[in-house]
Amino acid sequence: MAHGGRRGRRAFIGSFTAAGGPGIVTAAVAEGSGALTLLSSLDGLPDPSYLALAPDGGTLYAVSETAEGAVAAYRVDGDKPESAGPRVPINGNGPTHLSVHAGHVLTANYGSGSVTAVPLRPDGTLAAAPSGVFRHTGSGPHTPRQHGPHAHQIQSDPSGRWAVSVDLGTDSVRVCTLTDGGLVLHRETALRPGSGPRHLAFHPDGSHAYVVNELIPTVTVCRWDAADGTLKPLAETPVLPGPPDGHAYPSGIVASPDGRFVWTAIRGEDVLSTFAVEGETLRLVGTVPCGGHWPRALTEAGGFLYVANERSGDVAWFAVDPTTGLPHFEGAVEVTAASCVVIG
């Protein structure tokens, strides 16, 4: 990142202020051990549940997962983020995810079942209003969770050509182009009815995508063609070695930078699952405890996994065995109602 030489890596942690969370938390990341040391918190934005860094690492973007729905920008040169302008309404309800794509911040709005594009100015600050809102349509068989669309994630594909959104309510993944500031549907790919797709992770070589399903605890392996913008489902793999003891609601998914492993977090069971990538299939290697309760999100950085455990109120980190891919718990810091972690 642009200023990594000056102050080392940082972790930025989102949380639910409505549940007592501190807002946006900044932590130092120790080189070598991956350990987190809390530095500051900033509580000016309600429910900053998901965060994303600009490509140069100098600006942090956050959703406000509220009924009004908004996005905000912060400068992160020091130990505490500083506001980089007023929050911007996204004309959508309950945004749960955001990413930076083609000079815009894109948000996935769970409540309204839509995705929003907000332009970025050259200095990385947000324009005053969205340039486009694309509303998903459809439903699924699982009531009441699938009575209508529920966009849960939106991100670029590895080629940077496409914006890909995952919708839990419609059991589908949409591939869009960003044209004149608006998101335009290119293709919608149907997944198994009732599966409730939540998040997607691309293989780093751009050949495949892995969709974690919330309502049926599986990962759908898909072939991805960036030239045509097409996603082809191939198979589903269970995230657990057998039936869950109780509820099992998968949340986050991430692929290793070398493409050898995929990890998922499963709420209820409170475990992390490790998969070995074997061609166009995933093989479940094993599961380990997530270090807390209700792992809402996970991320990988520098050979470590970081897990936001929402209900136990902590962020745990794990060293990854380079041979098996299995995570080993190393430590945790307390962050009430933690919802996501990004490392920059």
Protein backbone atom coordinates (compact mmCIF):
# COMPACT_ATOMS: atom_id res chain seq x y z
CA MET A 1 0.00 0.00 0.00
CA ALA A 2 1.05 3.60 -0.50
CA HIS A 3 2.06 4.27 3.10
CA GLY A 4 2.90 0.74 4.29
CA GLY A 5 6.55 1.70 4.77
CA ARG A 6 5.66 4.46 7.19
CA ARG A 7 3.43 2.76 9.67
CA GLY A 8 3.04 -0.93 8.89
CA ARG A 9 -0.13 -2.82 8.17
CA ARG A 10 -3.47 -2.00 9.73
CA ALA A 11 -6.65 -3.95 10.30
CA PHE A 12 -9.97 -2.11 10.04
CA ILE A 13 -12.86 -3.77 11.84
CA GLY A 14 -16.55 -3.01 11.30
CA SER A 15 -19.18 -3.50 14.01
CA PHE A 16 -22.88 -3.04 14.73
CA THR A 17 -23.30 0.09 16.86
CA ALA A 18 -26.97 -0.81 17.44
CA ALA A 19 -25.71 -3.89 19.31
CA GLY A 20 -23.16 -1.93 21.36
CA GLY A 21 -20.31 -2.06 18.86
CA PRO A 22 -17.66 0.69 18.89
CA GLY A 23 -18.07 1.57 15.20
CA ILE A 24 -14.95 1.37 13.05
CA VAL A 25 -11.97 -0.02 14.95
CA THR A 26 -8.35 0.28 13.83
CA ALA A 27 -5.71 -2.23 14.92
CA ALA A 28 -2.01 -2.65 14.18
CA VAL A 29 -1.00 -5.93 12.53
CA ALA A 30 2.28 -7.36 13.83
CA GLU A 31 4.64 -8.51 11.12
CA GLY A 32 5.51 -12.16 11.45
CA SER A 33 2.87 -13.11 14.03
CA GLY A 34 -0.20 -11.47 12.47
CA ALA A 35 -1.30 -10.41 15.96
CA LEU A 36 -3.68 -7.46 16.35
CA THR A 37 -3.22 -4.55 18.76
CA LEU A 38 -6.18 -2.21 19.07
CA LEU A 39 -5.39 1.44 18.36
CA SER A 40 -8.63 3.43 18.08
CA SER A 41 -12.35 3.42 17.43
CA LEU A 42 -14.64 5.80 15.59
CA ASP A 43 -18.39 5.78 16.26
CA GLY A 44 -19.77 8.51 13.99
CA LEU A 45 -21.45 6.16 11.48
CA PRO A 46 -24.37 3.92 12.52
CA ASP A 47 -23.76 0.19 11.97
CA PRO A 48 -20.63 0.26 9.75
CA SER A 49 -20.99 -3.46 9.13
CA TYR A 50 -18.78 -3.79 6.07
CA LEU A 51 -15.64 -1.96 4.98
CA ALA A 52 -13.44 -1.77 1.88
CA LEU A 53 -10.14 -0.08 1.13
CA ALA A 54 -9.31 1.95 -1.95
CA PRO A 55 -6.69 0.29 -4.19
CA ASP A 56 -3.98 2.66 -2.91
CA GLY A 57 -4.88 1.90 0.71
CA GLY A 58 -5.33 5.54 1.64
CA THR A 59 -9.12 5.70 1.85
CA LEU A 60 -11.53 3.42 3.70
CA TYR A 61 -15.17 3.07 2.67
CA ALA A 62 -17.93 1.88 4.99
CA VAL A 63 -21.61 1.05 4.60
CA SER A 64 -24.16 2.14 7.15
CA GLU A 65 -26.38 -0.94 7.42
CA THR A 66 -29.51 0.96 8.36
CA ALA A 67 -33.00 1.36 6.92
CA GLU A 68 -31.89 4.63 5.29
CA GLY A 69 -28.71 3.08 3.90
CA ALA A 70 -25.56 5.12 3.31
CA VAL A 71 -21.87 4.92 2.49
CA ALA A 72 -19.04 6.99 3.96
CA ALA A 73 -15.35 7.59 3.23
CA TYR A 74 -12.41 8.01 5.63
CA ARG A 75 -8.74 8.85 5.31
CA VAL A 76 -6.59 6.25 7.04
CA ASP A 77 -3.09 7.73 7.07
CA GLY A 78 -2.89 7.76 10.87
CA ASP A 79 -3.95 5.51 13.71
CA LYS A 80 -7.56 6.71 13.60
CA PRO A 81 -9.69 7.18 10.46
CA GLU A 82 -10.68 10.74 9.64
CA SER A 83 -13.89 11.62 7.83
CA ALA A 84 -13.45 12.45 4.15
CA GLY A 85 -16.82 14.07 3.62
CA PRO A 86 -20.47 13.54 4.53
CA ARG A 87 -22.12 10.16 4.26
CA VAL A 88 -23.94 9.57 0.98
CA PRO A 89 -27.42 7.97 0.83
CA ILE A 90 -27.43 4.95 -1.47
CA ASN A 91 -31.18 4.94 -2.20
CA GLY A 92 -31.38 1.43 -0.80
CA ASN A 93 -32.15 -0.34 2.46
CA GLY A 94 -29.75 -2.28 4.67
CA PRO A 95 -26.48 -2.33 2.68
CA THR A 96 -24.41 -5.36 3.76
CA HIS A 97 -21.39 -5.16 1.46
CA LEU A 98 -19.41 -2.74 -0.65
CA SER A 99 -16.43 -2.78 -2.99
CA VAL A 100 -14.46 -0.47 -5.26
CA HIS A 101 -14.99 -1.06 -8.99
CA ALA A 102 -14.07 1.08 -11.99
CA GLY A 103 -13.94 4.40 -10.16
CA HIS A 104 -17.10 3.75 -8.14
CA VAL A 105 -18.08 2.35 -4.79
CA LEU A 106 -20.69 -0.38 -5.25
CA THR A 107 -23.02 -1.43 -2.43
CA ALA A 108 -25.19 -4.54 -2.09
CA ASN A 109 -28.42 -3.56 -0.37
CA TYR A 110 -29.94 -6.56 1.41
CA GLY A 111 -33.16 -4.96 2.57
CA SER A 112 -34.20 -3.45 -0.76
CA GLY A 113 -32.68 -6.17 -2.94
CA SER A 114 -30.69 -3.72 -5.02
CA VAL A 115 -27.15 -2.66 -5.85
CA THR A 116 -25.94 0.95 -5.98
CA ALA A 117 -23.04 2.70 -7.72
CA VAL A 118 -21.58 5.86 -6.17
CA PRO A 119 -18.90 7.65 -8.24
CA LEU A 120 -15.52 8.45 -6.75
CA ARG A 121 -13.83 11.77 -7.27
CA PRO A 122 -10.16 11.77 -8.34
CA ASP A 123 -9.07 12.27 -4.72
CA GLY A 124 -11.00 9.16 -3.62
CA THR A 125 -13.86 10.99 -1.93
CA LEU A 126 -17.47 10.11 -2.69
CA ALA A 127 -19.70 12.01 -5.10
CA ALA A 128 -22.73 13.61 -3.49
CA ALA A 129 -25.22 11.09 -4.87
CA PRO A 130 -25.39 7.68 -6.55
CA SER A 131 -25.05 7.47 -10.32
CA GLY A 132 -27.20 4.37 -10.56
CA VAL A 133 -29.34 1.88 -8.65
CA PHE A 134 -30.14 -1.55 -10.10
CA ARG A 135 -33.03 -3.38 -8.48
CA HIS A 136 -33.00 -7.17 -8.44
CA THR A 137 -36.24 -9.09 -8.97
CA GLY A 138 -37.34 -12.59 -8.04
CA SER A 139 -37.83 -14.81 -5.00
CA GLY A 140 -37.06 -18.27 -3.68
CA PRO A 141 -38.81 -21.19 -1.97
CA HIS A 142 -37.44 -20.60 1.53
CA THR A 143 -39.93 -18.50 3.50
CA PRO A 144 -39.63 -15.98 4.98
CA ARG A 145 -35.97 -15.48 3.97
CA GLN A 146 -36.65 -15.54 0.21
CA HIS A 147 -39.91 -13.63 -0.21
CA GLY A 148 -38.02 -11.20 -2.47
CA PRO A 149 -34.51 -10.24 -3.57
CA HIS A 150 -31.78 -9.76 -0.97
CA ALA A 151 -28.50 -8.63 -2.52
CA HIS A 152 -25.77 -9.65 -0.08
CA GLN A 153 -22.47 -8.99 -1.88
CA ILE A 154 -21.10 -7.18 -4.93
CA GLN A 155 -17.53 -7.16 -6.21
CA SER A 156 -15.33 -7.02 -9.30
CA ASP A 157 -14.25 -10.18 -11.02
CA PRO A 158 -10.44 -10.65 -11.26
CA SER A 159 -10.37 -9.14 -14.76
CA GLY A 160 -12.00 -5.93 -13.52
CA ARG A 161 -14.49 -6.01 -16.40
CA TRP A 162 -17.56 -7.21 -14.51
CA ALA A 163 -19.47 -6.37 -11.34
CA VAL A 164 -20.80 -9.58 -9.79
CA SER A 165 -23.61 -9.55 -7.21
CA VAL A 166 -24.82 -12.45 -5.07
CA ASP A 167 -28.50 -12.50 -4.08
CA LEU A 168 -29.69 -14.68 -1.19
CA GLY A 169 -33.36 -14.07 -1.90
CA THR A 170 -33.38 -15.07 -5.58
CA ASP A 171 -30.88 -17.97 -5.48
CA SER A 172 -28.83 -16.34 -8.20
CA VAL A 173 -25.69 -14.46 -9.15
CA ARG A 174 -25.91 -11.45 -11.46
CA VAL A 175 -23.13 -10.25 -13.73
CA CYS A 176 -23.33 -6.56 -14.64
CA THR A 177 -21.41 -3.97 -16.57
CA LEU A 178 -20.94 -0.44 -15.29
CA THR A 179 -22.08 1.80 -18.13
CA ASP A 180 -22.30 5.58 -17.77
CA GLY A 181 -22.42 5.18 -13.99
CA GLY A 182 -25.25 2.66 -14.07
CA LEU A 183 -25.19 -1.07 -13.43
CA VAL A 184 -26.57 -2.92 -16.45
CA LEU A 185 -27.47 -6.59 -16.27
CA HIS A 186 -25.39 -8.81 -18.54
CA ARG A 187 -26.45 -12.24 -17.29
CA GLU A 188 -28.15 -13.87 -14.31
CA THR A 189 -27.09 -17.37 -13.24
CA ALA A 190 -29.53 -19.50 -11.27
CA LEU A 191 -28.26 -21.65 -8.40
CA ARG A 192 -30.11 -24.43 -6.57
CA PRO A 193 -33.54 -23.26 -5.35
CA GLY A 194 -33.51 -22.60 -1.61
CA SER A 195 -29.72 -22.57 -1.30
CA GLY A 196 -29.57 -18.88 -0.36
CA PRO A 197 -26.23 -17.78 -1.87
CA ARG A 198 -24.52 -15.21 0.35
CA HIS A 199 -20.95 -14.48 -0.74
CA LEU A 200 -18.62 -15.43 -3.58
CA ALA A 201 -14.84 -15.75 -3.79
CA PHE A 202 -12.92 -15.99 -7.06
CA HIS A 203 -9.98 -18.29 -7.59
CA PRO A 204 -6.97 -15.98 -7.98
CA ASP A 205 -6.35 -17.15 -11.55
CA GLY A 206 -9.87 -16.05 -12.51
CA SER A 207 -10.98 -19.46 -13.78
CA HIS A 208 -13.46 -20.41 -11.06
CA ALA A 209 -15.72 -18.90 -8.42
CA TYR A 210 -16.88 -20.39 -5.14
CA VAL A 211 -20.32 -19.37 -3.83
CA VAL A 212 -21.08 -20.03 -0.17
CA ASN A 213 -24.75 -20.72 0.52
CA GLU A 214 -26.38 -19.58 3.75
CA LEU A 215 -29.65 -21.53 3.75
CA ILE A 216 -28.15 -24.88 2.70
CA PRO A 217 -24.63 -25.25 4.18
CA THR A 218 -22.72 -25.85 0.97
CA VAL A 219 -20.29 -24.21 -1.45
CA THR A 220 -21.22 -24.14 -5.14
CA VAL A 221 -18.19 -24.47 -7.39
CA CYS A 222 -18.61 -22.52 -10.64
CA ARG A 223 -16.54 -22.06 -13.77
CA TRP A 224 -15.97 -18.39 -14.60
CA ASP A 225 -15.33 -17.07 -18.10
CA ALA A 226 -14.19 -13.46 -17.94
CA ALA A 227 -14.21 -13.08 -21.72
CA ASP A 228 -17.94 -13.74 -21.92
CA GLY A 229 -18.93 -12.79 -18.37
CA THR A 230 -20.49 -16.20 -17.77
CA LEU A 231 -20.75 -18.22 -14.58
CA LYS A 232 -21.47 -21.96 -14.86
CA PRO A 233 -22.37 -23.93 -11.70
CA LEU A 234 -20.59 -27.29 -11.59
CA ALA A 235 -21.20 -28.93 -8.20
CA GLU A 236 -22.04 -28.33 -4.55
CA THR A 237 -19.79 -29.39 -1.68
CA PRO A 238 -21.00 -29.56 1.95
CA VAL A 239 -19.14 -27.26 4.35
CA LEU A 240 -19.38 -29.81 7.19
CA PRO A 241 -18.31 -33.48 7.36
CA GLY A 242 -21.81 -34.52 8.48
CA PRO A 243 -25.18 -33.09 9.50
CA PRO A 244 -24.88 -30.04 11.79
CA ASP A 245 -25.53 -30.46 15.51
CA GLY A 246 -27.96 -27.55 15.35
CA HIS A 247 -28.15 -24.61 12.99
CA ALA A 248 -25.45 -24.04 10.40
CA TYR A 249 -25.47 -20.73 8.54
CA PRO A 250 -22.36 -20.18 6.41
CA SER A 251 -21.25 -16.56 6.14
CA GLY A 252 -17.84 -15.67 4.68
CA ILE A 253 -15.68 -17.37 2.06
CA VAL A 254 -12.13 -16.65 0.91
CA ALA A 255 -9.60 -18.29 -1.40
CA SER A 256 -5.89 -18.43 -0.60
CA PRO A 257 -3.65 -16.17 -2.71
CA ASP A 258 -1.92 -19.23 -4.20
CA GLY A 259 -5.26 -20.80 -5.11
CA ARG A 260 -4.66 -24.04 -3.20
CA PHE A 261 -7.27 -23.59 -0.47
CA VAL A 262 -10.71 -22.15 0.19
CA TRP A 263 -12.04 -21.33 3.67
CA THR A 264 -15.58 -20.72 4.88
CA ALA A 265 -17.02 -19.59 8.22
CA ILE A 266 -20.13 -21.29 9.58
CA ARG A 267 -22.30 -19.58 12.19
CA GLY A 268 -24.17 -21.78 14.65
CA GLU A 269 -21.62 -24.56 14.31
CA ASP A 270 -19.03 -21.82 14.97
CA VAL A 271 -16.32 -23.42 12.86
CA LEU A 272 -14.05 -22.64 9.94
CA SER A 273 -14.01 -25.16 7.12
CA THR A 274 -10.90 -25.75 5.00
CA PHE A 275 -11.13 -27.04 1.44
CA ALA A 276 -8.35 -28.18 -0.86
CA VAL A 277 -8.80 -27.01 -4.46
CA GLU A 278 -8.51 -30.04 -6.73
CA GLY A 279 -9.14 -28.96 -10.28
CA GLU A 280 -12.83 -28.15 -10.61
CA THR A 281 -13.74 -29.70 -7.25
CA LEU A 282 -13.28 -28.84 -3.59
CA ARG A 283 -12.31 -31.45 -1.01
CA LEU A 284 -13.21 -30.77 2.62
CA VAL A 285 -9.98 -31.10 4.60
CA GLY A 286 -11.50 -30.45 8.02
CA THR A 287 -13.06 -27.96 10.41
CA VAL A 288 -11.68 -26.07 13.42
CA PRO A 289 -13.44 -23.89 16.04
CA CYS A 290 -13.70 -20.25 14.96
CA GLY A 291 -12.36 -18.87 18.24
CA GLY A 292 -15.69 -17.35 19.29
CA HIS A 293 -19.41 -17.33 18.52
CA TRP A 294 -21.21 -16.48 15.28
CA PRO A 295 -18.36 -15.87 12.78
CA ARG A 296 -19.87 -13.30 10.45
CA ALA A 297 -16.90 -12.71 8.15
CA LEU A 298 -13.33 -13.78 7.51
CA THR A 299 -10.39 -12.50 5.51
CA GLU A 300 -6.90 -13.71 4.64
CA ALA A 301 -3.72 -11.65 4.80
CA GLY A 302 -0.07 -12.58 4.99
CA GLY A 303 -0.69 -16.26 5.68
CA PHE A 304 -3.19 -15.56 8.48
CA LEU A 305 -6.98 -15.77 8.68
CA TYR A 306 -8.94 -13.12 10.59
CA VAL A 307 -12.46 -13.89 11.81
CA ALA A 308 -15.06 -11.39 13.06
CA ASN A 309 -17.09 -13.26 15.70
CA GLU A 310 -20.20 -11.13 16.03
CA ARG A 311 -21.98 -12.55 19.08
CA SER A 312 -18.92 -13.26 21.24
CA GLY A 313 -17.60 -9.79 20.36
CA ASP A 314 -14.07 -10.53 19.23
CA VAL A 315 -11.76 -10.79 16.25
CA ALA A 316 -9.64 -13.94 16.21
CA TRP A 317 -6.60 -14.66 14.09
CA PHE A 318 -5.25 -17.98 12.88
CA ALA A 319 -1.98 -19.10 11.37
CA VAL A 320 -2.50 -21.28 8.28
CA ASP A 321 -0.63 -24.57 7.91
CA PRO A 322 1.06 -24.21 4.50
CA THR A 323 0.73 -27.93 3.77
CA THR A 324 -2.82 -28.76 4.88
CA GLY A 325 -4.37 -25.28 4.82
CA LEU A 326 -5.85 -25.88 8.28
CA PRO A 327 -6.00 -22.77 10.50
CA HIS A 328 -4.46 -22.77 13.99
CA PHE A 329 -5.87 -20.33 16.58
CA GLU A 330 -3.27 -17.74 17.66
CA GLY A 331 -5.19 -15.08 19.57
CA ALA A 332 -8.09 -12.61 19.68
CA VAL A 333 -8.96 -9.04 20.59
CA GLU A 334 -12.27 -7.81 21.97
CA VAL A 335 -14.53 -5.90 19.55
CA THR A 336 -18.21 -5.89 20.53
CA ALA A 337 -20.57 -6.93 17.70
CA ALA A 338 -17.68 -7.33 15.24
CA SER A 339 -18.90 -7.76 11.66
CA CYS A 340 -15.93 -7.66 9.26
CA VAL A 341 -12.17 -7.24 8.99
CA VAL A 342 -10.11 -5.74 6.18
CA ILE A 343 -6.32 -5.59 6.17
CA GLY A 344 -4.29 -2.89 4.44
